[in-house]
N, C-alpha and C. Protein backbone atom coordinates (compact mmCIF):
# COMPACT_ATOMS: atom_id res chain seq x y z
N UNK A 1 -35.49 -75.90 8.21
CA UNK A 1 -34.97 -74.50 8.57
C UNK A 1 -33.86 -74.39 9.10
N UNK A 2 -33.56 -74.66 10.19
CA UNK A 2 -32.19 -74.16 10.66
C UNK A 2 -31.19 -75.45 9.83
N UNK A 3 -31.19 -76.44 9.29
CA UNK A 3 -30.21 -76.40 8.27
C UNK A 3 -30.07 -75.66 7.00
N UNK A 4 -31.18 -74.94 6.70
CA UNK A 4 -31.24 -73.55 5.75
C UNK A 4 -30.14 -72.99 6.14
N UNK A 5 -30.83 -72.28 7.45
CA UNK A 5 -29.28 -71.12 8.17
C UNK A 5 -28.35 -72.24 8.01
N UNK A 6 -27.71 -72.87 8.87
CA UNK A 6 -26.52 -73.39 8.85
C UNK A 6 -25.78 -73.29 7.51
N UNK A 7 -26.34 -73.63 6.67
CA UNK A 7 -25.46 -73.24 5.55
C UNK A 7 -25.19 -72.15 4.98
N UNK A 8 -25.91 -71.69 5.13
CA UNK A 8 -26.44 -70.21 5.02
C UNK A 8 -24.84 -69.10 5.66
N UNK A 9 -24.79 -69.47 7.13
CA UNK A 9 -23.77 -69.40 7.72
C UNK A 9 -22.71 -70.06 7.51
N UNK A 10 -22.50 -71.25 6.90
CA UNK A 10 -21.05 -72.15 6.42
C UNK A 10 -20.84 -71.38 4.97
N UNK A 11 -21.90 -70.63 4.18
CA UNK A 11 -21.29 -70.27 2.66
C UNK A 11 -20.98 -68.89 3.33
N UNK A 12 -21.11 -67.87 4.20
CA UNK A 12 -20.79 -66.45 4.98
C UNK A 12 -19.41 -66.93 4.82
N UNK A 13 -19.47 -67.80 6.26
CA UNK A 13 -17.88 -68.22 6.85
C UNK A 13 -17.20 -68.69 5.75
N UNK A 14 -17.38 -69.40 4.96
CA UNK A 14 -16.41 -69.48 3.80
C UNK A 14 -15.94 -68.36 2.57
N UNK A 15 -17.15 -67.64 2.35
CA UNK A 15 -17.01 -66.78 1.75
C UNK A 15 -15.93 -65.48 2.61
N UNK A 16 -15.85 -65.46 4.03
CA UNK A 16 -15.20 -64.94 5.31
C UNK A 16 -13.69 -64.76 4.72
N UNK A 17 -13.62 -66.79 4.46
CA UNK A 17 -11.90 -67.16 4.49
C UNK A 17 -11.98 -66.52 3.49
N UNK A 18 -12.38 -66.57 1.96
CA UNK A 18 -12.13 -66.79 0.89
C UNK A 18 -11.26 -64.96 0.53
N UNK A 19 -12.88 -64.09 1.05
CA UNK A 19 -11.82 -62.41 1.17
C UNK A 19 -10.50 -62.50 1.99
N UNK A 20 -10.32 -63.39 3.60
CA UNK A 20 -8.96 -62.88 4.32
C UNK A 20 -8.02 -63.44 3.44
N UNK A 21 -7.91 -64.55 2.58
CA UNK A 21 -7.02 -64.79 1.97
C UNK A 21 -6.73 -64.13 0.34
N UNK A 22 -8.00 -63.84 -0.27
CA UNK A 22 -7.11 -62.25 -0.88
C UNK A 22 -6.82 -61.23 -0.58
N UNK A 23 -7.71 -60.78 0.48
CA UNK A 23 -7.07 -59.30 1.00
C UNK A 23 -5.72 -59.43 1.35
N UNK A 24 -4.98 -61.10 2.21
CA UNK A 24 -3.68 -60.93 2.37
C UNK A 24 -2.76 -60.94 1.01
N UNK A 25 -2.79 -61.52 0.18
CA UNK A 25 -2.47 -61.44 -0.94
C UNK A 25 -2.00 -60.24 -1.80
N UNK A 26 -3.10 -59.71 -1.41
CA UNK A 26 -3.42 -58.34 -1.67
C UNK A 26 -2.53 -57.47 -0.87
N UNK A 27 -2.28 -57.65 0.25
CA UNK A 27 -1.66 -56.75 1.13
C UNK A 27 0.02 -57.46 0.89
N UNK A 28 0.27 -58.57 0.72
CA UNK A 28 1.66 -59.25 0.75
C UNK A 28 2.29 -58.35 -0.99
N UNK A 29 1.85 -58.50 -1.51
CA UNK A 29 1.64 -57.95 -2.92
C UNK A 29 1.78 -55.96 -2.67
N UNK A 30 1.00 -55.51 -1.68
CA UNK A 30 1.16 -54.22 -1.63
C UNK A 30 2.91 -54.16 -0.67
N UNK A 31 2.93 -54.83 0.14
CA UNK A 31 3.90 -54.76 0.75
C UNK A 31 5.12 -54.81 -0.13
N UNK A 32 5.39 -55.80 -1.22
CA UNK A 32 6.36 -56.21 -2.20
C UNK A 32 6.91 -54.90 -2.88
N UNK A 33 5.54 -54.59 -3.32
CA UNK A 33 5.89 -53.05 -4.28
C UNK A 33 6.49 -51.73 -3.23
N UNK A 34 5.86 -51.65 -2.18
CA UNK A 34 6.13 -50.62 -1.50
C UNK A 34 8.07 -50.73 -1.50
N UNK A 35 8.50 -52.12 -1.45
CA UNK A 35 9.73 -52.32 -0.77
C UNK A 35 10.18 -51.88 -2.29
N UNK A 36 10.06 -52.24 -3.57
CA UNK A 36 10.38 -52.32 -4.95
C UNK A 36 10.89 -50.36 -5.54
N UNK A 37 9.57 -49.70 -4.63
CA UNK A 37 9.44 -48.56 -4.93
C UNK A 37 10.74 -47.73 -4.40
N UNK A 38 10.98 -48.42 -3.16
CA UNK A 38 11.80 -48.21 -2.30
C UNK A 38 13.36 -48.35 -2.48
N UNK A 39 13.51 -49.39 -3.63
CA UNK A 39 14.57 -49.55 -3.97
C UNK A 39 14.57 -48.80 -4.71
N UNK A 40 13.87 -48.21 -5.85
CA UNK A 40 13.77 -47.80 -7.29
C UNK A 40 14.11 -46.35 -6.78
N UNK A 41 14.02 -45.32 -5.47
CA UNK A 41 13.82 -44.43 -5.04
C UNK A 41 15.78 -43.96 -4.72
N UNK A 42 16.23 -45.36 -3.78
CA UNK A 42 17.26 -45.28 -3.64
C UNK A 42 18.24 -45.68 -4.87
N UNK A 43 17.97 -46.01 -5.83
CA UNK A 43 18.53 -45.96 -6.98
C UNK A 43 18.55 -44.43 -8.01
N UNK A 44 17.41 -44.03 -7.56
CA UNK A 44 17.12 -42.45 -8.16
C UNK A 44 18.01 -41.45 -7.47
N UNK A 45 18.39 -41.62 -6.30
CA UNK A 45 18.90 -40.80 -5.20
C UNK A 45 20.14 -41.09 -5.79
N UNK A 46 20.67 -41.89 -5.83
CA UNK A 46 22.24 -41.91 -6.62
C UNK A 46 22.58 -41.16 -8.00
N UNK A 47 21.15 -41.65 -9.07
CA UNK A 47 21.61 -41.14 -10.46
C UNK A 47 21.47 -39.59 -10.36
N UNK A 48 20.47 -39.23 -9.36
CA UNK A 48 20.55 -37.89 -9.40
C UNK A 48 22.01 -36.81 -8.97
N UNK A 49 22.33 -37.96 -7.45
CA UNK A 49 23.44 -37.41 -6.97
C UNK A 49 24.78 -37.69 -8.03
N UNK A 50 24.79 -38.08 -9.14
CA UNK A 50 25.72 -38.42 -10.15
C UNK A 50 25.53 -37.10 -11.20
N UNK A 51 24.31 -36.61 -11.78
CA UNK A 51 23.62 -36.35 -12.42
C UNK A 51 24.09 -34.31 -11.81
N UNK A 52 23.99 -34.31 -10.63
CA UNK A 52 24.61 -32.85 -9.96
C UNK A 52 26.10 -32.94 -10.18
N UNK A 53 26.70 -34.40 -9.53
CA UNK A 53 28.72 -34.21 -9.77
C UNK A 53 28.99 -33.54 -11.42
N UNK A 54 27.98 -34.82 -12.52
CA UNK A 54 28.21 -34.11 -13.22
C UNK A 54 27.94 -32.80 -14.03
N UNK A 55 27.14 -32.42 -13.31
CA UNK A 55 26.60 -30.75 -13.73
C UNK A 55 27.70 -30.00 -13.72
N UNK A 56 28.16 -30.10 -12.18
CA UNK A 56 28.86 -29.64 -11.75
C UNK A 56 29.95 -29.17 -12.26
N UNK A 57 31.29 -30.62 -12.66
CA UNK A 57 31.90 -30.73 -13.44
C UNK A 57 31.89 -30.20 -15.25
N UNK A 58 30.48 -30.23 -15.59
CA UNK A 58 30.48 -29.36 -16.75
C UNK A 58 30.47 -27.58 -16.77
N UNK A 59 30.09 -27.12 -15.64
CA UNK A 59 29.78 -25.89 -15.59
C UNK A 59 31.70 -25.60 -15.07
N UNK A 60 32.05 -26.09 -13.99
CA UNK A 60 33.99 -26.13 -14.45
C UNK A 60 34.74 -25.79 -15.07
N UNK A 61 34.27 -27.27 -16.17
CA UNK A 61 35.16 -27.21 -17.54
C UNK A 61 34.82 -26.23 -18.38
N UNK A 62 33.31 -25.50 -18.24
CA UNK A 62 32.68 -24.65 -19.39
C UNK A 62 34.03 -22.91 -18.42
N UNK A 63 33.61 -22.77 -17.69
CA UNK A 63 34.46 -21.73 -17.36
C UNK A 63 36.17 -22.07 -17.35
N UNK A 64 36.37 -22.42 -17.13
CA UNK A 64 37.89 -22.75 -17.45
C UNK A 64 38.03 -22.97 -19.20
N UNK A 65 37.46 -23.23 -19.74
CA UNK A 65 37.21 -22.83 -21.32
C UNK A 65 37.35 -21.47 -21.74
N UNK A 66 36.39 -21.19 -21.33
CA UNK A 66 36.04 -19.44 -21.14
C UNK A 66 37.27 -18.59 -21.20
N UNK A 67 38.07 -19.23 -19.65
CA UNK A 67 39.31 -18.54 -19.51
C UNK A 67 40.57 -19.02 -19.84
N UNK A 68 40.58 -20.09 -20.57
CA UNK A 68 41.21 -20.73 -21.48
C UNK A 68 41.52 -19.78 -23.02
N UNK A 69 40.36 -19.53 -22.93
CA UNK A 69 40.02 -18.96 -24.44
C UNK A 69 40.20 -17.13 -24.44
N UNK A 70 39.97 -16.89 -23.30
CA UNK A 70 39.83 -15.21 -23.39
C UNK A 70 41.54 -15.20 -23.03
N UNK A 71 42.28 -15.91 -22.31
CA UNK A 71 43.54 -16.11 -22.40
C UNK A 71 44.86 -16.64 -23.48
N UNK A 72 44.14 -17.55 -24.65
CA UNK A 72 44.43 -17.47 -25.67
C UNK A 72 44.09 -15.91 -26.10
N UNK A 73 43.30 -15.54 -26.57
CA UNK A 73 42.99 -14.10 -27.06
C UNK A 73 43.84 -13.16 -26.57
N UNK A 74 44.25 -13.44 -25.68
CA UNK A 74 45.29 -12.16 -25.02
C UNK A 74 46.71 -12.36 -25.59
N UNK A 75 46.83 -13.55 -25.66
CA UNK A 75 48.11 -13.84 -25.60
C UNK A 75 48.31 -13.80 -27.28
N UNK A 76 47.23 -14.00 -27.89
CA UNK A 76 47.53 -13.59 -29.91
C UNK A 76 47.51 -12.14 -29.93
N UNK A 77 47.08 -11.37 -29.07
CA UNK A 77 46.90 -10.09 -29.73
C UNK A 77 48.67 -9.49 -29.03
N UNK A 78 49.15 -10.35 -27.85
CA UNK A 78 50.28 -9.70 -27.68
C UNK A 78 51.49 -10.14 -28.59
N UNK A 79 50.93 -11.41 -29.42
CA UNK A 79 52.23 -11.80 -30.20
C UNK A 79 52.41 -11.30 -31.91
N UNK A 80 50.65 -10.60 -31.54
CA UNK A 80 50.79 -10.01 -32.93
C UNK A 80 51.23 -8.67 -33.10
N UNK A 81 51.83 -7.89 -31.85
CA UNK A 81 53.32 -7.05 -31.92
C UNK A 81 54.54 -6.90 -32.05
N UNK A 82 54.86 -8.92 -32.10
CA UNK A 82 56.01 -9.04 -32.70
C UNK A 82 56.20 -9.43 -33.65
N UNK A 83 56.88 -9.43 -34.46
CA UNK A 83 58.12 -9.70 -35.68
C UNK A 83 58.43 -10.80 -35.54
N UNK A 84 58.72 -11.85 -36.60
CA UNK A 84 60.17 -12.33 -36.97
C UNK A 84 60.78 -12.13 -38.07
N UNK A 85 62.53 -11.65 -37.43
CA UNK A 85 62.86 -11.46 -38.37
C UNK A 85 63.75 -12.89 -39.35
């Protein structure tokens, strides 16, 4: 009976050791994933900044184009009053 109990406890101990090893691997994998997610977040923040800058530049370009068209139309109207001889 004592031998059976000792064997059972050894089995429990071995299972606990195996569980600890699995948990350690899972913990290390979770740490690696967290690091990769942080790296991805950093890249996405850079991309977001670039997109914001491009959006601002596009808006400014659009405004300048509208102003250019306005002035071109105004110039065309002014030139319509003149005739070349």
